[in-house]
Each structure stands twice: as structure tokens, then as C-alpha cells.
Amino acid sequence: MKANFNNYDLYYKFIHTYSPFGFRNIDFHSPLMKQLDESMEENNQFFIVGDFIKMKILYTSRLSEKMLGIKPEELDPFRFIDSTHPEDVQRHYQSRAKSTNLTKELYMSEKGGALLSTNVKMRNPAGGYSQTLFQCYLFFASFPYKTVYLLQVHTNIDWWKPAKNVFHYYVGNDLKLFRYPDNNLLSIGIPYSQRELEIINLVATGLNSEQIAEKLFISANTVNTHRKNIIDKSGKHSVSELIFELKENGLM
């Protein structure tokens, strides 16, 4: 794993250079863009820039084809969903919904930035799936018009070996976390397994343990064991309290 640009200075320089022009007329032969290409090639990354208010991708770097098998000019939000592993599609949708809420907050306040990052399995050109980190940096801009831009960096993290069913997730304003991923960064996340998240979602619909057991073809005792483990991990007094927190963070 190599990373010469851990602090993402080049991405900030890109924003500073091109956001005043609405990310138009990008000079692909400039020293900045050449450095960005070299950095992304080394770090196995690509990025997009979009106008979140208009729901429009303004620029996609060339390595999208190498990582996803999708040419930059053909990439759109629907292709992202289509390329996501079925196990991660719901969480992908939830992350997009949270990004939309963050965008509304930034647009209304007319200032600031926010970060949402998580990992999902994405289809690769070989037909398999690769662990991909999405780092979504949202920021308000008043020029050349009022909007909220998204700079979204995608990094292949197949080298990461998390505990089974654990995934990274962060949402907030700590932009120090907008950097090249390492184990410390990726350890920030949700400690619940896919089965535990499934049970949490079913509890949120109003089902009791017996009904959940019937739906998942497991015993009620197993459901109750999962519920106890969920409470122990969360530090909350009830699953309902946890559900409220997960909804606030865009995970439900």
C-alpha cells in the first residue's frame, strides 16, 4: 500500500482552483491534474465532482474504468447503485439519503462542509467485487452560483482486513478524517454485524422477537441473544434508543 498524499492536499488544491469556475474548463495537462493522476494511480483511487443540488456529475477522473469498468463519461449515480454488491445496496441508499440531508443543511446555512465516508463492495472489471471506500466531502459554494458541491473519492481497500461483518462509517464535520485511509481511519464505524443490523431494522418496524424469528427462520432465543449483544455493543438502554441514533446518522 502506497500513499504519498495522505493529507489530500491535491484534492483541496483542485477544489480551490476549479470551484470558482463551477468545475468547468479543467486543464487536464496542468501540473496539478498530472499530479492528481499520478497520486490516484499510485493509491488506486478515482474521484468525481458533482453539483449535489442539481444532482449532476461535473467531472469523473479516468481511473473509474480501471476500478469499476465504467468509462468516466458513462458514470452516473445509477451506475454506482447497479455496481454495488446486493448485500450493501441498502446501506448505499441510506448513505445517499444522509448525504442529501447534509446537503440541505449546508445549503440553508450557506457555509461550511461535511464528510460522510463508508465502504461497500463494488463490482470490478474482472466481474468480482472489491472493497471500495467512499469519502464524500460536501461543501457550500456561493460562486459562480449558490450550491453544494460534492467531491467523492473512491479508494480500493482490498488490503483492509476488518473483523467479520464490520464496516467503516463516519458522518460529521471533522475534515481531518478526509485523508488517505489507514487502519485507524477504517476502524471508525459500526460494530454491528449484518444480521444484527437486520434485526435492528425489523425491531424498528414493530416486530417482536417471535415475529422476527419466524421471518428470519431462526429461533426466538437466537433473536434475543442478538438483541442482548446489540445493547451491549451500543451502550444504550434499549434498541429503540439505538434506532433513533442510527436514523440520525443515516443508517436507517
Foldseek 3Di string as FASTA:
>chain_A
DDAPFFQPPLVVVLCVPQVLVVNPPDDCPDPSNVVVVVRCVVQVKWKWKDFVVVQGTDWTDQCCCQFAVAGGVRDHPVVFLVFFDPLCNLQVVLQVVLVVVVFVVCLVVQFAKKWKKKWTWGQGPVRGTFIKIWIWIWTFDPPPHTTIMIMIMIGGPNVDDDDAQWMAIDIGRPCSLVGRDDPVSGVHGDPAHSVLLVLLVVVVVVDDLCVVCVVVVHDSVVSVVSLVVVCVVVVDPHSVVVSVVCVVRSRD
